[in-house]
């Protein structure tokens, strides 16, 4: 029994050493670890460190949902942004995809001005967003009926009025008889990760 176990161990060690030698011939010593470390360092360097009150011109390179996008600064630093004053339907919620598409139509691939207000718990910049022709994206999303005025964090009369007009005219998500606010949807689905929203 002991002899069989020893032979088994020798065969396993031989297979592992051949596999490692083959990997080194193809990739050099520790190359995957080096690539992984480089990727982590590169990501850290390319993520913009921002402060409240700063303004940046960014090109919008990604849309996560109706109130979140990714922008690149002129020096290719990435910044994840959450739009101030609104809360859009989550991806898995009614009107979630339509809200995302509306935001995409407004800003994707375009240069926008962001004004940083704060940082949220996911380290996203909370921003006001303006197009090159000075359109306030929060206001545009409210007019289109693709977001709620996020009154918990903003008490703007203008945004409240834009939401009320969209409601009265049953525009966008207000076409539903009783749309569920995203903050209630998130409470009902507490297991949701920020990337699932």
C-alpha atoms as a PDB file:
ATOM      1  CA  UNK A   1       0.000   0.000   0.000  1.00  0.00           C
ATOM      2  CA  UNK A   2       2.832   2.346   0.932  1.00  0.00           C
ATOM      3  CA  UNK A   3       4.657   1.631  -2.337  1.00  0.00           C
ATOM      4  CA  UNK A   4       1.512   2.452  -4.364  1.00  0.00           C
ATOM      5  CA  UNK A   5       1.111   5.735  -2.476  1.00  0.00           C
ATOM      6  CA  UNK A   6       4.783   6.644  -3.125  1.00  0.00           C
ATOM      7  CA  UNK A   7       4.398   5.924  -6.841  1.00  0.00           C
ATOM      8  CA  UNK A   8       1.190   7.991  -6.910  1.00  0.00           C
ATOM      9  CA  UNK A   9       2.992  10.914  -5.234  1.00  0.00           C
ATOM     10  CA  UNK A  10       5.922  10.698  -7.679  1.00  0.00           C
ATOM     11  CA  UNK A  11       3.542  10.725 -10.664  1.00  0.00           C
ATOM     12  CA  UNK A  12       1.677  13.788  -9.290  1.00  0.00           C
ATOM     13  CA  UNK A  13       4.939  15.658  -8.643  1.00  0.00           C
ATOM     14  CA  UNK A  14       6.156  14.795 -12.152  1.00  0.00           C
ATOM     15  CA  UNK A  15       2.935  16.106 -13.736  1.00  0.00           C
ATOM     16  CA  UNK A  16       3.024  19.318 -11.709  1.00  0.00           C
ATOM     17  CA  UNK A  17       6.698  19.972 -12.492  1.00  0.00           C
ATOM     18  CA  UNK A  18       6.116  19.358 -16.224  1.00  0.00           C
ATOM     19  CA  UNK A  19       3.149  21.725 -16.161  1.00  0.00           C
ATOM     20  CA  UNK A  20       5.203  24.406 -14.365  1.00  0.00           C
ATOM     21  CA  UNK A  21       8.129  23.974 -16.779  1.00  0.00           C
ATOM     22  CA  UNK A  22       5.757  24.278 -19.733  1.00  0.00           C
ATOM     23  CA  UNK A  23       4.227  27.419 -18.230  1.00  0.00           C
ATOM     24  CA  UNK A  24       7.683  28.982 -17.677  1.00  0.00           C
ATOM     25  CA  UNK A  25       8.696  28.213 -21.285  1.00  0.00           C
ATOM     26  CA  UNK A  26       5.550  29.940 -22.559  1.00  0.00           C
ATOM     27  CA  UNK A  27       5.322  32.866 -20.133  1.00  0.00           C
ATOM     28  CA  UNK A  28       8.636  33.271 -18.302  1.00  0.00           C
ATOM     29  CA  UNK A  29       9.005  33.160 -14.542  1.00  0.00           C
ATOM     30  CA  UNK A  30       6.100  34.652 -12.568  1.00  0.00           C
ATOM     31  CA  UNK A  31       4.732  36.510 -15.596  1.00  0.00           C
ATOM     32  CA  UNK A  32       1.046  36.129 -14.665  1.00  0.00           C
ATOM     33  CA  UNK A  33       1.782  37.455 -11.182  1.00  0.00           C
ATOM     34  CA  UNK A  34       3.744  40.353 -12.701  1.00  0.00           C
ATOM     35  CA  UNK A  35       0.922  41.135 -15.143  1.00  0.00           C
ATOM     36  CA  UNK A  36      -1.644  41.033 -12.345  1.00  0.00           C
ATOM     37  CA  UNK A  37       0.460  43.324 -10.161  1.00  0.00           C
ATOM     38  CA  UNK A  38       1.004  45.729 -13.093  1.00  0.00           C
ATOM     39  CA  UNK A  39      -2.738  45.776 -13.832  1.00  0.00           C
ATOM     40  CA  UNK A  40      -3.540  46.597 -10.204  1.00  0.00           C
ATOM     41  CA  UNK A  41      -0.928  49.372 -10.121  1.00  0.00           C
ATOM     42  CA  UNK A  42      -2.101  50.737 -13.476  1.00  0.00           C
ATOM     43  CA  UNK A  43      -5.728  50.794 -12.315  1.00  0.00           C
ATOM     44  CA  UNK A  44      -4.768  52.634  -9.139  1.00  0.00           C
ATOM     45  CA  UNK A  45      -2.794  55.234 -11.095  1.00  0.00           C
ATOM     46  CA  UNK A  46      -5.559  55.817 -13.622  1.00  0.00           C
ATOM     47  CA  UNK A  47      -8.371  56.371 -11.122  1.00  0.00           C
ATOM     48  CA  UNK A  48      -8.850  60.064 -10.508  1.00  0.00           C
ATOM     49  CA  UNK A  49      -8.440  61.313  -6.956  1.00  0.00           C
ATOM     50  CA  UNK A  50     -10.981  64.103  -6.616  1.00  0.00           C
ATOM     51  CA  UNK A  51     -12.137  66.654  -4.060  1.00  0.00           C
ATOM     52  CA  UNK A  52     -15.415  68.412  -3.404  1.00  0.00           C
ATOM     53  CA  UNK A  53     -15.785  71.581  -5.456  1.00  0.00           C
ATOM     54  CA  UNK A  54     -13.464  70.516  -8.271  1.00  0.00           C
ATOM     55  CA  UNK A  55     -14.601  70.631 -11.893  1.00  0.00           C
ATOM     56  CA  UNK A  56     -13.454  68.409 -14.733  1.00  0.00           C
ATOM     57  CA  UNK A  57     -14.180  68.004 -18.394  1.00  0.00           C
ATOM     58  CA  UNK A  58     -14.624  64.278 -19.024  1.00  0.00           C
ATOM     59  CA  UNK A  59     -15.494  62.098 -21.983  1.00  0.00           C
ATOM     60  CA  UNK A  60     -18.276  59.685 -21.031  1.00  0.00           C
ATOM     61  CA  UNK A  61     -17.033  56.162 -21.785  1.00  0.00           C
ATOM     62  CA  UNK A  62     -19.544  54.041 -19.875  1.00  0.00           C
ATOM     63  CA  UNK A  63     -23.133  54.160 -18.634  1.00  0.00           C
ATOM     64  CA  UNK A  64     -23.976  51.901 -15.678  1.00  0.00           C
ATOM     65  CA  UNK A  65     -27.610  52.923 -15.242  1.00  0.00           C
ATOM     66  CA  UNK A  66     -29.813  56.021 -15.420  1.00  0.00           C
ATOM     67  CA  UNK A  67     -27.826  57.948 -12.813  1.00  0.00           C
ATOM     68  CA  UNK A  68     -24.289  56.511 -12.953  1.00  0.00           C
ATOM     69  CA  UNK A  69     -21.578  56.765 -15.590  1.00  0.00           C
ATOM     70  CA  UNK A  70     -17.826  56.539 -16.083  1.00  0.00           C
ATOM     71  CA  UNK A  71     -15.802  59.384 -17.522  1.00  0.00           C
ATOM     72  CA  UNK A  72     -12.203  59.881 -18.630  1.00  0.00           C
ATOM     73  CA  UNK A  73     -10.344  63.104 -17.980  1.00  0.00           C
ATOM     74  CA  UNK A  74      -8.135  64.683 -20.627  1.00  0.00           C
ATOM     75  CA  UNK A  75      -5.135  62.870 -19.115  1.00  0.00           C
ATOM     76  CA  UNK A  76      -6.973  59.505 -19.228  1.00  0.00           C
ATOM     77  CA  UNK A  77      -7.819  59.248 -15.543  1.00  0.00           C
ATOM     78  CA  UNK A  78     -11.045  57.372 -14.915  1.00  0.00           C
ATOM     79  CA  UNK A  79     -13.797  58.654 -12.649  1.00  0.00           C
ATOM     80  CA  UNK A  80     -17.020  56.853 -11.699  1.00  0.00           C
ATOM     81  CA  UNK A  81     -19.826  59.394 -11.286  1.00  0.00           C
ATOM     82  CA  UNK A  82     -23.233  59.328  -9.604  1.00  0.00           C
ATOM     83  CA  UNK A  83     -25.485  62.142 -10.844  1.00  0.00           C
ATOM     84  CA  UNK A  84     -26.560  64.583  -8.130  1.00  0.00           C
ATOM     85  CA  UNK A  85     -30.205  65.261  -7.293  1.00  0.00           C
ATOM     86  CA  UNK A  86     -31.818  62.288  -9.017  1.00  0.00           C
ATOM     87  CA  UNK A  87     -32.365  58.599  -8.391  1.00  0.00           C
ATOM     88  CA  UNK A  88     -33.064  56.500 -11.485  1.00  0.00           C
ATOM     89  CA  UNK A  89     -34.701  53.071 -11.628  1.00  0.00           C
ATOM     90  CA  UNK A  90     -32.322  50.195 -10.946  1.00  0.00           C
ATOM     91  CA  UNK A  91     -31.312  47.904 -13.829  1.00  0.00           C
ATOM     92  CA  UNK A  92     -33.594  45.103 -12.652  1.00  0.00           C
ATOM     93  CA  UNK A  93     -36.491  47.499 -12.052  1.00  0.00           C
ATOM     94  CA  UNK A  94     -39.238  48.613 -14.452  1.00  0.00           C
ATOM     95  CA  UNK A  95     -37.895  51.389 -16.709  1.00  0.00           C
ATOM     96  CA  UNK A  96     -34.303  50.610 -15.582  1.00  0.00           C
ATOM     97  CA  UNK A  97     -33.043  49.845 -19.086  1.00  0.00           C
ATOM     98  CA  UNK A  98     -34.989  52.712 -20.651  1.00  0.00           C
ATOM     99  CA  UNK A  99     -33.573  55.128 -18.084  1.00  0.00           C
ATOM    100  CA  UNK A 100     -30.045  53.867 -18.827  1.00  0.00           C
ATOM    101  CA  UNK A 101     -30.660  54.296 -22.569  1.00  0.00           C
ATOM    102  CA  UNK A 102     -31.977  57.838 -22.043  1.00  0.00           C
ATOM    103  CA  UNK A 103     -28.837  58.817 -20.127  1.00  0.00           C
ATOM    104  CA  UNK A 104     -26.718  57.167 -22.805  1.00  0.00           C
ATOM    105  CA  UNK A 105     -28.485  59.140 -25.546  1.00  0.00           C
ATOM    106  CA  UNK A 106     -27.810  62.351 -23.624  1.00  0.00           C
ATOM    107  CA  UNK A 107     -24.118  61.917 -22.767  1.00  0.00           C
ATOM    108  CA  UNK A 108     -22.420  58.709 -23.974  1.00  0.00           C
ATOM    109  CA  UNK A 109     -19.314  59.392 -26.061  1.00  0.00           C
ATOM    110  CA  UNK A 110     -19.616  63.110 -25.370  1.00  0.00           C
ATOM    111  CA  UNK A 111     -17.491  65.582 -23.472  1.00  0.00           C
ATOM    112  CA  UNK A 112     -19.306  66.848 -20.352  1.00  0.00           C
ATOM    113  CA  UNK A 113     -18.485  69.131 -17.460  1.00  0.00           C
ATOM    114  CA  UNK A 114     -18.752  67.578 -14.005  1.00  0.00           C
ATOM    115  CA  UNK A 115     -18.864  69.556 -10.758  1.00  0.00           C
ATOM    116  CA  UNK A 116     -18.031  67.377  -7.781  1.00  0.00           C
ATOM    117  CA  UNK A 117     -20.339  67.702  -4.783  1.00  0.00           C
ATOM    118  CA  UNK A 118     -19.261  64.780  -2.651  1.00  0.00           C
ATOM    119  CA  UNK A 119     -18.270  61.101  -2.600  1.00  0.00           C
ATOM    120  CA  UNK A 120     -20.635  58.219  -1.827  1.00  0.00           C
ATOM    121  CA  UNK A 121     -19.925  55.038   0.133  1.00  0.00           C
ATOM    122  CA  UNK A 122     -18.857  53.263  -3.070  1.00  0.00           C
ATOM    123  CA  UNK A 123     -16.268  56.016  -3.686  1.00  0.00           C
ATOM    124  CA  UNK A 124     -18.163  57.389  -6.673  1.00  0.00           C
ATOM    125  CA  UNK A 125     -18.060  61.125  -7.246  1.00  0.00           C
ATOM    126  CA  UNK A 126     -21.479  62.734  -6.702  1.00  0.00           C
ATOM    127  CA  UNK A 127     -21.635  65.271  -9.528  1.00  0.00           C
ATOM    128  CA  UNK A 128     -23.666  67.841 -11.329  1.00  0.00           C
ATOM    129  CA  UNK A 129     -23.304  67.140 -15.050  1.00  0.00           C
ATOM    130  CA  UNK A 130     -23.565  69.650 -17.885  1.00  0.00           C
ATOM    131  CA  UNK A 131     -23.377  69.115 -21.641  1.00  0.00           C
ATOM    132  CA  UNK A 132     -21.371  71.381 -23.925  1.00  0.00           C
ATOM    133  CA  UNK A 133     -24.573  73.346 -24.628  1.00  0.00           C
ATOM    134  CA  UNK A 134     -25.081  73.846 -20.842  1.00  0.00           C
ATOM    135  CA  UNK A 135     -27.912  71.317 -20.339  1.00  0.00           C
ATOM    136  CA  UNK A 136     -28.246  70.115 -16.743  1.00  0.00           C
ATOM    137  CA  UNK A 137     -28.420  66.314 -17.043  1.00  0.00           C
ATOM    138  CA  UNK A 138     -30.314  65.901 -13.750  1.00  0.00           C
ATOM    139  CA  UNK A 139     -33.000  68.231 -15.107  1.00  0.00           C
ATOM    140  CA  UNK A 140     -33.066  66.437 -18.472  1.00  0.00           C
ATOM    141  CA  UNK A 141     -33.587  63.029 -16.815  1.00  0.00           C
ATOM    142  CA  UNK A 142     -36.407  64.441 -14.665  1.00  0.00           C
ATOM    143  CA  UNK A 143     -38.084  66.074 -17.688  1.00  0.00           C
ATOM    144  CA  UNK A 144     -37.935  62.766 -19.568  1.00  0.00           C
ATOM    145  CA  UNK A 145     -39.601  61.012 -16.635  1.00  0.00           C
ATOM    146  CA  UNK A 146     -36.599  58.701 -16.283  1.00  0.00           C
ATOM    147  CA  UNK A 147     -35.678  59.498 -12.670  1.00  0.00           C
ATOM    148  CA  UNK A 148     -37.087  60.611  -9.343  1.00  0.00           C
ATOM    149  CA  UNK A 149     -36.021  63.835  -7.697  1.00  0.00           C
ATOM    150  CA  UNK A 150     -33.821  62.518  -4.853  1.00  0.00           C
ATOM    151  CA  UNK A 151     -35.353  64.720  -2.149  1.00  0.00           C
ATOM    152  CA  UNK A 152     -33.445  62.929   0.601  1.00  0.00           C
ATOM    153  CA  UNK A 153     -30.276  64.654  -0.655  1.00  0.00           C
ATOM    154  CA  UNK A 154     -31.555  67.661  -2.618  1.00  0.00           C
ATOM    155  CA  UNK A 155     -34.288  70.209  -1.885  1.00  0.00           C
ATOM    156  CA  UNK A 156     -34.254  72.059  -5.208  1.00  0.00           C
ATOM    157  CA  UNK A 157     -37.612  73.576  -6.151  1.00  0.00           C
ATOM    158  CA  UNK A 158     -36.644  73.330  -9.827  1.00  0.00           C
ATOM    159  CA  UNK A 159     -36.070  69.545  -9.662  1.00  0.00           C
ATOM    160  CA  UNK A 160     -39.257  69.020  -7.619  1.00  0.00           C
ATOM    161  CA  UNK A 161     -41.243  70.961 -10.230  1.00  0.00           C
ATOM    162  CA  UNK A 162     -39.704  68.993 -13.131  1.00  0.00           C
ATOM    163  CA  UNK A 163     -40.631  65.698 -11.465  1.00  0.00           C
ATOM    164  CA  UNK A 164     -44.188  66.957 -10.782  1.00  0.00           C
ATOM    165  CA  UNK A 165     -44.655  67.997 -14.441  1.00  0.00           C
ATOM    166  CA  UNK A 166     -43.477  64.599 -15.669  1.00  0.00           C
ATOM    167  CA  UNK A 167     -45.827  62.881 -13.180  1.00  0.00           C
ATOM    168  CA  UNK A 168     -48.822  64.991 -14.213  1.00  0.00           C
ATOM    169  CA  UNK A 169     -48.159  64.345 -17.902  1.00  0.00           C
ATOM    170  CA  UNK A 170     -47.452  60.629 -17.253  1.00  0.00           C
ATOM    171  CA  UNK A 171     -44.102  60.830 -19.015  1.00  0.00           C
ATOM    172  CA  UNK A 172     -41.622  57.946 -18.842  1.00  0.00           C
ATOM    173  CA  UNK A 173     -41.797  55.892 -15.657  1.00  0.00           C
ATOM    174  CA  UNK A 174     -44.816  57.960 -14.544  1.00  0.00           C
ATOM    175  CA  UNK A 175     -46.817  56.115 -17.194  1.00  0.00           C
ATOM    176  CA  UNK A 176     -47.024  53.261 -14.647  1.00  0.00           C
ATOM    177  CA  UNK A 177     -49.897  53.594 -12.187  1.00  0.00           C
ATOM    178  CA  UNK A 178     -47.678  53.171  -9.140  1.00  0.00           C
ATOM    179  CA  UNK A 179     -43.954  53.169  -9.953  1.00  0.00           C
ATOM    180  CA  UNK A 180     -41.693  51.976  -7.129  1.00  0.00           C
ATOM    181  CA  UNK A 181     -39.027  54.487  -6.107  1.00  0.00           C
ATOM    182  CA  UNK A 182     -35.500  53.048  -6.433  1.00  0.00           C
ATOM    183  CA  UNK A 183     -34.772  53.536  -2.715  1.00  0.00           C
ATOM    184  CA  UNK A 184     -37.767  51.296  -1.892  1.00  0.00           C
ATOM    185  CA  UNK A 185     -36.737  48.791  -4.564  1.00  0.00           C
ATOM    186  CA  UNK A 186     -33.242  48.616  -3.026  1.00  0.00           C
ATOM    187  CA  UNK A 187     -34.720  48.044   0.453  1.00  0.00           C
ATOM    188  CA  UNK A 188     -36.826  45.176  -0.904  1.00  0.00           C
ATOM    189  CA  UNK A 189     -33.736  43.709  -2.581  1.00  0.00           C
ATOM    190  CA  UNK A 190     -31.075  44.339   0.084  1.00  0.00           C
ATOM    191  CA  UNK A 191     -28.743  41.687  -1.320  1.00  0.00           C
ATOM    192  CA  UNK A 192     -28.156  43.818  -4.418  1.00  0.00           C
ATOM    193  CA  UNK A 193     -24.549  44.738  -5.074  1.00  0.00           C
ATOM    194  CA  UNK A 194     -23.750  48.226  -6.412  1.00  0.00           C
ATOM    195  CA  UNK A 195     -22.993  46.607  -9.798  1.00  0.00           C
ATOM    196  CA  UNK A 196     -26.415  44.924  -9.931  1.00  0.00           C
ATOM    197  CA  UNK A 197     -28.259  48.191  -9.620  1.00  0.00           C
END
